[in-house]
Amino acid sequence: MSEPTSLAGEAEQLDAADGLAAMRERFVLDDVTYLDGNSLGALPAHVPARVADVVARQWGELRIRSWEESGWWTAPERIGDRIAPLVGAAAGQVVVGDSTSVNVFKALVAAVRMAQEDGGAGGGDGGAGPVRDEILVDATTFPTDGYIAESAARMTGCALRAVAPAEVPGALGDRTAAVLLNHVDYRSGRLHDLPGLTAAVHAAGAYAVWDLCHSAGALPVGLDEHGVDLAVGCTYKYLNGGPGSPAYLYVRRDLQPRFDSPLPGWNSHAEPFGMRPAYAPASGAVRGRVGTPDILSLLALDAALDVWDEDAVSVAAVRAKSLALTDFFLRCVGAYVPDGRVESVTPAAHAERGSQVALRCDDAGEVMKRLIERGVVGDYRAPDVLRFGFTPLYVGFADVERAARVLARTLAG
């Protein structure tokens, strides 16, 4: 078993060699070891001043003129283009607005409509084959995605089947219209095979919808590279957009002319100020918009994304540090925590791990409460999981070592 002084010394050396270490100064942090960025990212230090400008000058002085002069009207697409490279997408395919849940609904219903119209992503059969009347949903999904999938199934006349991601290829059939999957499991931190599962979905003639909430900003996604049809994600975790910051919707470029949103609104109209009674969708990703953008939170997100403009920051560098942090945390837990007290449910293999570590612990709720009281902030998921999220832009190796050491002390009573 390693001695604490040995691992603490190693952490100091790793922090000294960390190419992203300077990014920590760009965030508002204190002495607390914050490992809950997979729920709410830390505040970038420059955001308050930018939001103050939005409130005092853009709203307070320019008022209605800011829709044009401050670029409010086009902000959903402009900020979408800033997120696009973080999820491996070219410009013009991401629009920001609404919540993750709302965007899941838009994407899933649109996917079913396309499948039923032409037989699926693989080219269609002109309606000659079986009716596409089944939706598959990740059986381990975040509950809201399941609720949305159930509602989308009722709306489109589909049956809904919950399937573990690894079992999706065997569950696909000629009646499958769409498959809703999570890139990273919110509870365990397991990273699912986006390229392989997307290819399997396409081979069956169906459409793939991915939830990127726990991967965007933490690891490479490759939406364009892997031919993903539709994707959604939140911005308040690894993108640090703030509590309730708007989500985003990705619509692959060649599918945009056929994207039929179940929530058409005046903001997605081809002529929004024409005030026409008949709906005509705008071209491009804009048709993913619905109503008036939430400007205050949207522009706070815009400011938060500035941290990605640093030369030292790339998704590849973030992923490398994420894996190093989670590896080191698992080592420290193994060294400090008595055998049998906790069990990691996060895969050891890098190819199957997101940017969090989940530990099973019988009294997890009480343990997390005591950890937070001692200055280590993670979170708890019922019934028995301690979750620790690692945001490489501001979490260091000394944070990791301290968290494991405090965890061991907490478990000892």
Protein backbone atom coordinates (compact mmCIF):
# COMPACT_ATOMS: atom_id res chain seq x y z
CA MET A 1 0.00 0.00 0.00
CA SER A 2 1.35 3.43 -0.96
CA GLU A 3 2.06 5.97 1.71
CA PRO A 4 0.14 9.26 1.53
CA THR A 5 3.35 11.27 1.36
CA SER A 6 4.44 9.30 -1.71
CA LEU A 7 1.24 9.88 -3.63
CA ALA A 8 1.06 13.51 -2.51
CA GLY A 9 4.56 14.02 -3.86
CA GLU A 10 3.63 12.37 -7.13
CA ALA A 11 0.59 14.63 -7.39
CA GLU A 12 2.81 17.67 -6.96
CA GLN A 13 5.08 16.47 -9.77
CA LEU A 14 2.14 15.75 -12.06
CA ASP A 15 0.68 19.21 -11.45
CA ALA A 16 4.04 20.81 -12.22
CA ALA A 17 4.15 19.03 -15.58
CA ASP A 18 0.50 19.66 -16.46
CA GLY A 19 0.10 21.72 -19.62
CA LEU A 20 -3.44 22.70 -18.63
CA ALA A 21 -2.60 23.74 -15.06
CA ALA A 22 -2.71 27.45 -15.86
CA MET A 23 -6.35 27.16 -16.91
CA ARG A 24 -7.33 26.80 -13.26
CA GLU A 25 -6.75 30.52 -12.79
CA ARG A 26 -9.51 31.23 -15.30
CA PHE A 27 -12.16 29.92 -12.89
CA VAL A 28 -13.68 31.08 -9.61
CA LEU A 29 -12.50 28.46 -7.11
CA ASP A 30 -11.67 28.24 -3.42
CA ASP A 31 -10.13 25.71 -1.05
CA VAL A 32 -12.91 23.20 -1.67
CA THR A 33 -11.96 20.20 -3.80
CA TYR A 34 -14.66 20.46 -6.44
CA LEU A 35 -15.36 17.16 -8.21
CA ASP A 36 -18.93 17.84 -9.29
CA GLY A 37 -18.33 19.50 -12.65
CA ASN A 38 -20.25 16.64 -14.23
CA SER A 39 -23.34 18.21 -12.63
CA LEU A 40 -22.46 21.92 -12.66
CA GLY A 41 -19.23 23.36 -14.01
CA ALA A 42 -17.33 26.04 -12.13
CA LEU A 43 -17.78 29.70 -12.98
CA PRO A 44 -15.23 31.12 -15.48
CA ALA A 45 -13.87 34.24 -13.82
CA HIS A 46 -14.57 36.61 -16.72
CA VAL A 47 -18.25 35.69 -17.10
CA PRO A 48 -19.74 38.06 -14.45
CA ALA A 49 -18.34 41.14 -16.19
CA ARG A 50 -19.66 39.96 -19.55
CA VAL A 51 -23.10 39.28 -18.12
CA ALA A 52 -23.05 42.69 -16.44
CA ASP A 53 -22.45 44.25 -19.85
CA VAL A 54 -25.34 42.32 -21.33
CA VAL A 55 -27.64 43.54 -18.57
CA ALA A 56 -26.44 47.14 -18.17
CA ARG A 57 -25.48 48.12 -21.71
CA GLN A 58 -27.10 45.73 -24.18
CA TRP A 59 -30.42 45.50 -22.33
CA GLY A 60 -30.28 48.66 -20.21
CA GLU A 61 -29.06 51.11 -22.87
CA LEU A 62 -29.55 49.59 -26.31
CA ARG A 63 -32.72 47.77 -25.34
CA ILE A 64 -34.59 46.47 -28.42
CA ARG A 65 -31.74 47.53 -30.70
CA SER A 66 -29.60 44.73 -29.26
CA TRP A 67 -31.48 42.10 -31.25
CA GLU A 68 -29.55 43.42 -34.23
CA GLU A 69 -26.71 45.59 -32.92
CA SER A 70 -25.58 43.11 -30.25
CA GLY A 71 -26.28 40.04 -32.35
CA TRP A 72 -28.97 38.60 -30.09
CA TRP A 73 -31.08 37.28 -32.95
CA THR A 74 -28.34 35.13 -34.47
CA ALA A 75 -26.80 34.06 -31.14
CA PRO A 76 -28.23 30.50 -31.20
CA GLU A 77 -26.43 29.67 -34.44
CA ARG A 78 -23.30 31.68 -33.70
CA ILE A 79 -22.81 30.01 -30.31
CA GLY A 80 -23.70 26.69 -31.88
CA ASP A 81 -20.77 27.16 -34.23
CA ARG A 82 -18.52 27.67 -31.19
CA ILE A 83 -19.71 24.38 -29.67
CA ALA A 84 -19.47 22.50 -32.97
CA PRO A 85 -15.69 21.83 -32.91
CA LEU A 86 -15.96 20.56 -29.33
CA VAL A 87 -18.24 17.77 -30.54
CA GLY A 88 -16.48 17.17 -33.85
CA ALA A 89 -18.89 19.00 -36.13
CA ALA A 90 -18.43 21.49 -38.91
CA ALA A 91 -20.14 24.87 -38.69
CA GLY A 92 -23.80 25.23 -39.55
CA GLN A 93 -25.04 22.08 -37.85
CA VAL A 94 -25.51 23.08 -34.19
CA VAL A 95 -28.11 25.43 -32.79
CA VAL A 96 -28.32 26.44 -29.12
CA GLY A 97 -31.56 26.87 -27.22
CA ASP A 98 -34.17 25.20 -25.03
CA SER A 99 -33.32 22.41 -22.58
CA THR A 100 -31.76 19.01 -23.21
CA SER A 101 -35.14 17.38 -22.66
CA VAL A 102 -36.85 19.58 -25.24
CA ASN A 103 -34.09 18.93 -27.76
CA VAL A 104 -34.25 15.17 -27.15
CA PHE A 105 -37.96 15.35 -27.99
CA LYS A 106 -37.35 17.34 -31.17
CA ALA A 107 -34.57 15.02 -32.33
CA LEU A 108 -36.30 11.74 -31.54
CA VAL A 109 -39.64 12.63 -33.13
CA ALA A 110 -37.87 14.06 -36.18
CA ALA A 111 -35.81 10.87 -36.47
CA VAL A 112 -38.94 8.69 -36.42
CA ARG A 113 -40.65 10.90 -38.97
CA MET A 114 -37.69 10.61 -41.33
CA ALA A 115 -37.53 6.84 -40.85
CA GLN A 116 -41.22 6.41 -41.51
CA GLU A 117 -41.01 8.66 -44.53
CA ASP A 118 -38.19 6.91 -46.35
CA GLY A 119 -37.23 3.71 -44.55
CA GLY A 120 -34.26 5.05 -42.60
CA ALA A 121 -30.81 6.55 -42.73
CA GLY A 122 -29.41 4.00 -45.15
CA GLY A 123 -31.31 5.19 -48.18
CA GLY A 124 -34.89 4.08 -47.76
CA ASP A 125 -37.17 1.75 -49.62
CA GLY A 126 -39.83 4.20 -50.63
CA GLY A 127 -42.23 2.77 -48.11
CA ALA A 128 -42.19 -0.74 -49.62
CA GLY A 129 -40.77 -2.41 -46.52
CA PRO A 130 -42.16 -2.88 -43.01
CA VAL A 131 -43.44 0.16 -41.18
CA ARG A 132 -40.80 1.68 -38.96
CA ASP A 133 -42.76 1.68 -35.72
CA GLU A 134 -40.24 0.96 -32.97
CA ILE A 135 -37.94 3.15 -30.89
CA LEU A 136 -35.05 1.71 -28.91
CA VAL A 137 -33.90 3.62 -25.85
CA ASP A 138 -30.84 3.14 -23.67
CA ALA A 139 -32.05 1.05 -20.71
CA THR A 140 -29.53 2.79 -18.42
CA THR A 141 -30.43 6.28 -19.60
CA PHE A 142 -30.93 9.36 -17.46
CA PRO A 143 -34.64 9.15 -16.47
CA THR A 144 -35.78 12.21 -18.42
CA ASP A 145 -34.55 10.72 -21.70
CA GLY A 146 -36.69 7.68 -20.97
CA TYR A 147 -39.72 9.80 -20.18
CA ILE A 148 -39.25 11.79 -23.39
CA ALA A 149 -38.79 8.60 -25.42
CA GLU A 150 -42.03 7.20 -24.04
CA SER A 151 -43.92 10.36 -24.97
CA ALA A 152 -42.31 10.45 -28.44
CA ALA A 153 -43.34 6.83 -28.98
CA ARG A 154 -46.96 7.62 -28.11
CA MET A 155 -46.96 10.63 -30.38
CA THR A 156 -45.55 8.74 -33.37
CA GLY A 157 -47.43 5.49 -32.89
CA CYS A 158 -44.28 3.53 -32.06
CA ALA A 159 -43.53 0.80 -29.59
CA LEU A 160 -40.74 1.59 -27.14
CA ARG A 161 -38.11 -0.93 -26.07
CA ALA A 162 -35.44 -0.33 -23.44
CA VAL A 163 -32.18 -2.04 -24.39
CA ALA A 164 -28.71 -1.97 -22.84
CA PRO A 165 -26.34 -0.19 -25.26
CA ALA A 166 -24.15 -3.26 -25.73
CA GLU A 167 -27.25 -5.22 -26.79
CA VAL A 168 -28.47 -2.68 -29.35
CA PRO A 169 -26.92 -4.35 -32.43
CA GLY A 170 -28.77 -7.58 -31.69
CA ALA A 171 -32.03 -5.76 -30.93
CA LEU A 172 -32.20 -3.77 -34.15
CA GLY A 173 -34.66 -4.85 -36.81
CA ASP A 174 -36.44 -3.72 -39.94
CA ARG A 175 -39.13 -2.06 -37.82
CA THR A 176 -36.64 0.08 -35.83
CA ALA A 177 -37.05 3.76 -36.62
CA ALA A 178 -34.71 5.46 -34.14
CA VAL A 179 -32.34 4.67 -31.30
CA LEU A 180 -31.70 7.07 -28.40
CA LEU A 181 -28.40 6.47 -26.62
CA ASN A 182 -26.18 8.19 -24.05
CA HIS A 183 -22.54 8.64 -24.98
CA VAL A 184 -21.49 8.39 -21.33
CA ASP A 185 -23.65 6.72 -18.68
CA TYR A 186 -24.55 9.36 -16.10
CA ARG A 187 -24.40 6.96 -13.16
CA SER A 188 -21.38 4.75 -13.87
CA GLY A 189 -19.28 6.93 -16.17
CA ARG A 190 -19.14 4.17 -18.81
CA LEU A 191 -18.29 5.47 -22.28
CA HIS A 192 -20.33 3.74 -24.97
CA ASP A 193 -19.14 2.92 -28.48
CA LEU A 194 -20.56 5.81 -30.49
CA PRO A 195 -18.88 4.87 -33.80
CA GLY A 196 -19.79 1.19 -33.63
CA LEU A 197 -23.34 1.67 -32.40
CA THR A 198 -24.04 4.42 -34.93
CA ALA A 199 -22.82 2.13 -37.73
CA ALA A 200 -25.05 -0.69 -36.46
CA VAL A 201 -28.08 1.59 -36.33
CA HIS A 202 -27.44 2.75 -39.88
CA ALA A 203 -26.95 -0.80 -41.12
CA ALA A 204 -30.47 -1.53 -39.85
CA GLY A 205 -31.83 1.50 -41.73
CA ALA A 206 -32.63 3.47 -38.58
CA TYR A 207 -31.50 6.81 -37.18
CA ALA A 208 -29.13 7.39 -34.27
CA VAL A 209 -29.83 10.09 -31.68
CA TRP A 210 -27.05 10.64 -29.11
CA ASP A 211 -27.17 12.41 -25.75
CA LEU A 212 -23.77 14.05 -25.21
CA CYS A 213 -24.40 15.65 -21.80
CA HIS A 214 -21.55 13.78 -20.08
CA SER A 215 -19.05 13.82 -22.94
CA ALA A 216 -19.03 17.21 -24.67
CA GLY A 217 -16.10 19.22 -23.38
CA ALA A 218 -14.51 16.20 -21.72
CA LEU A 219 -13.58 13.89 -24.60
CA PRO A 220 -13.63 13.65 -28.41
CA VAL A 221 -17.06 12.92 -29.88
CA GLY A 222 -16.61 12.98 -33.67
CA LEU A 223 -20.19 13.61 -34.80
CA ASP A 224 -19.29 14.31 -38.43
CA GLU A 225 -16.58 11.68 -38.59
CA HIS A 226 -18.89 8.91 -37.43
CA GLY A 227 -21.98 10.00 -39.35
CA VAL A 228 -24.20 10.67 -36.35
CA ASP A 229 -27.64 11.77 -37.45
CA LEU A 230 -28.85 13.86 -34.52
CA ALA A 231 -27.36 14.75 -31.15
CA VAL A 232 -28.23 16.85 -28.13
CA GLY A 233 -26.38 17.99 -25.05
CA CYS A 234 -26.38 20.36 -22.12
CA THR A 235 -23.86 23.15 -21.59
CA TYR A 236 -23.71 23.50 -17.80
CA LYS A 237 -21.39 20.55 -17.10
CA TYR A 238 -18.00 20.42 -18.84
CA LEU A 239 -18.80 23.52 -20.94
CA ASN A 240 -19.32 25.58 -17.75
CA GLY A 241 -22.23 27.59 -19.12
CA GLY A 242 -23.94 28.09 -15.75
CA PRO A 243 -27.01 26.65 -14.01
CA GLY A 244 -29.79 26.04 -16.51
CA SER A 245 -27.75 27.28 -19.45
CA PRO A 246 -29.39 26.37 -22.77
CA ALA A 247 -28.76 23.05 -24.47
CA TYR A 248 -27.85 22.43 -28.10
CA LEU A 249 -29.13 20.38 -31.00
CA TYR A 250 -26.98 18.90 -33.78
CA VAL A 251 -28.62 18.08 -37.11
CA ARG A 252 -26.31 16.51 -39.69
CA ARG A 253 -26.09 18.79 -42.71
CA ASP A 254 -27.60 16.43 -45.29
CA LEU A 255 -30.59 15.74 -43.01
CA GLN A 256 -31.43 19.39 -42.36
CA PRO A 257 -33.84 19.79 -45.31
CA ARG A 258 -35.84 16.85 -43.95
CA PHE A 259 -35.69 17.71 -40.25
CA ASP A 260 -39.35 17.97 -39.28
CA SER A 261 -39.50 19.39 -35.77
CA PRO A 262 -42.50 18.48 -33.63
CA LEU A 263 -42.16 21.93 -32.05
CA PRO A 264 -42.31 24.46 -34.87
CA GLY A 265 -42.10 28.02 -33.62
CA TRP A 266 -41.79 31.48 -34.99
CA ASN A 267 -38.02 31.49 -34.47
CA SER A 268 -37.63 28.54 -36.85
CA HIS A 269 -39.93 30.00 -39.51
CA ALA A 270 -38.44 30.85 -42.89
CA GLU A 271 -39.87 34.34 -42.46
CA PRO A 272 -40.16 34.87 -38.69
CA PHE A 273 -41.30 38.48 -38.91
CA GLY A 274 -43.80 37.78 -41.68
CA MET A 275 -46.23 36.63 -38.99
CA ARG A 276 -47.87 34.25 -41.45
CA PRO A 277 -50.51 31.78 -40.22
CA ALA A 278 -48.93 28.88 -42.13
CA TYR A 279 -45.63 27.44 -40.94
CA ALA A 280 -42.72 27.21 -43.37
CA PRO A 281 -39.44 25.95 -41.86
CA ALA A 282 -36.22 27.89 -42.23
CA SER A 283 -33.31 26.25 -43.97
CA GLY A 284 -30.38 24.72 -42.12
CA ALA A 285 -30.02 24.06 -38.42
CA VAL A 286 -32.14 27.14 -37.71
CA ARG A 287 -35.23 24.96 -38.07
CA GLY A 288 -34.24 23.44 -34.72
CA ARG A 289 -35.16 26.70 -32.99
CA VAL A 290 -38.59 27.22 -31.42
CA GLY A 291 -39.27 30.41 -29.47
CA THR A 292 -37.45 33.53 -28.34
CA PRO A 293 -33.91 32.74 -27.10
CA ASP A 294 -33.08 33.10 -23.41
CA ILE A 295 -30.57 35.86 -24.00
CA LEU A 296 -29.11 36.27 -20.50
CA SER A 297 -28.17 32.63 -20.06
CA LEU A 298 -27.29 32.24 -23.74
CA LEU A 299 -24.73 35.05 -23.59
CA ALA A 300 -23.34 33.82 -20.27
CA LEU A 301 -22.65 30.54 -22.09
CA ASP A 302 -21.08 32.46 -24.96
CA ALA A 303 -18.68 34.10 -22.51
CA ALA A 304 -17.91 30.79 -20.79
CA LEU A 305 -16.86 29.25 -24.09
CA ASP A 306 -14.00 31.77 -24.31
CA VAL A 307 -11.84 29.45 -22.21
CA TRP A 308 -11.69 27.11 -25.21
CA ASP A 309 -10.04 29.85 -27.27
CA GLU A 310 -6.78 29.42 -25.35
CA ASP A 311 -3.96 27.99 -27.50
CA ALA A 312 -3.19 25.34 -24.87
CA VAL A 313 -6.72 23.95 -24.83
CA SER A 314 -7.85 21.20 -27.16
CA VAL A 315 -10.29 18.36 -26.72
CA ALA A 316 -7.41 15.92 -27.18
CA ALA A 317 -5.40 17.56 -24.37
CA VAL A 318 -8.44 17.61 -22.13
CA ARG A 319 -9.09 13.92 -22.78
CA ALA A 320 -5.48 12.97 -22.03
CA LYS A 321 -5.59 14.80 -18.71
CA SER A 322 -9.02 13.38 -17.88
CA LEU A 323 -7.72 9.84 -18.22
CA ALA A 324 -4.63 10.68 -16.19
CA LEU A 325 -6.75 12.22 -13.42
CA THR A 326 -9.17 9.31 -13.22
CA ASP A 327 -6.33 6.78 -13.33
CA PHE A 328 -4.59 8.58 -10.48
CA PHE A 329 -7.79 8.82 -8.44
CA LEU A 330 -8.40 5.08 -8.76
CA ARG A 331 -4.80 4.44 -7.68
CA CYS A 332 -5.18 6.71 -4.65
CA VAL A 333 -8.48 5.11 -3.69
CA GLY A 334 -6.87 1.69 -3.97
CA ALA A 335 -3.99 2.82 -1.79
CA TYR A 336 -5.94 4.67 0.89
CA VAL A 337 -9.36 3.04 1.22
CA PRO A 338 -9.61 -0.28 3.08
CA ASP A 339 -10.28 -3.30 0.86
CA GLY A 340 -13.94 -4.03 0.29
CA ARG A 341 -15.22 -0.66 1.50
CA VAL A 342 -15.94 0.71 -1.98
CA GLU A 343 -16.16 -0.81 -5.44
CA SER A 344 -15.53 1.06 -8.67
CA VAL A 345 -18.35 0.70 -11.20
CA THR A 346 -16.48 2.82 -13.73
CA PRO A 347 -14.65 0.75 -16.36
CA ALA A 348 -10.89 0.50 -15.98
CA ALA A 349 -10.34 0.49 -19.74
CA HIS A 350 -9.73 3.97 -21.17
CA ALA A 351 -11.85 3.22 -24.23
CA GLU A 352 -14.85 2.63 -21.95
CA ARG A 353 -14.40 5.48 -19.46
CA GLY A 354 -15.81 8.98 -19.49
CA SER A 355 -14.53 11.74 -17.21
CA GLN A 356 -15.92 10.56 -13.90
CA VAL A 357 -15.39 7.77 -11.39
CA ALA A 358 -18.35 6.13 -9.69
CA LEU A 359 -17.79 4.15 -6.51
CA ARG A 360 -20.39 1.81 -5.05
CA CYS A 361 -20.71 2.22 -1.30
CA ASP A 362 -23.46 0.85 0.97
CA ASP A 363 -23.95 4.13 2.84
CA ALA A 364 -23.17 6.38 -0.12
CA GLY A 365 -25.66 9.11 0.72
CA GLU A 366 -24.32 9.66 4.22
CA VAL A 367 -20.71 9.33 3.06
CA MET A 368 -21.15 12.04 0.42
CA LYS A 369 -22.79 14.32 2.96
CA ARG A 370 -19.76 13.96 5.26
CA LEU A 371 -17.33 14.39 2.36
CA ILE A 372 -18.94 17.69 1.44
CA GLU A 373 -18.74 18.84 5.06
CA ARG A 374 -15.00 18.10 4.87
CA GLY A 375 -14.49 20.09 1.69
CA VAL A 376 -14.66 17.43 -1.01
CA VAL A 377 -17.67 17.98 -3.26
CA GLY A 378 -18.93 15.12 -5.40
CA ASP A 379 -22.46 13.82 -5.58
CA TYR A 380 -24.61 10.81 -4.81
CA ARG A 381 -26.90 8.74 -7.00
CA ALA A 382 -29.39 6.37 -5.44
CA PRO A 383 -29.16 3.81 -4.15
CA ASP A 384 -25.43 3.39 -3.54
CA VAL A 385 -23.19 5.38 -5.90
CA LEU A 386 -20.65 8.09 -5.06
CA ARG A 387 -19.89 10.12 -8.22
CA PHE A 388 -16.74 12.15 -8.73
CA GLY A 389 -16.44 14.26 -11.88
CA PHE A 390 -13.09 15.43 -13.21
CA THR A 391 -13.05 18.64 -15.24
CA PRO A 392 -9.49 18.85 -16.57
CA LEU A 393 -9.62 22.61 -17.10
CA TYR A 394 -9.60 23.26 -13.36
CA VAL A 395 -9.08 19.99 -11.47
CA GLY A 396 -5.49 19.10 -10.58
CA PHE A 397 -3.73 16.00 -9.33
CA ALA A 398 -3.40 17.41 -5.81
CA ASP A 399 -7.20 17.72 -5.76
CA VAL A 400 -7.45 14.07 -6.72
CA GLU A 401 -5.04 12.87 -4.05
CA ARG A 402 -6.76 14.96 -1.36
CA ALA A 403 -10.20 13.67 -2.36
CA ALA A 404 -9.09 10.05 -2.03
CA ARG A 405 -7.37 10.73 1.29
CA VAL A 406 -10.44 12.49 2.73
CA LEU A 407 -12.66 9.70 1.41
CA ALA A 408 -10.56 7.11 3.24
CA ARG A 409 -10.70 9.13 6.47
CA THR A 410 -14.46 9.58 6.11
CA LEU A 411 -15.04 5.88 5.58
CA ALA A 412 -12.96 5.13 8.65
CA GLY A 413 -15.38 7.17 10.71
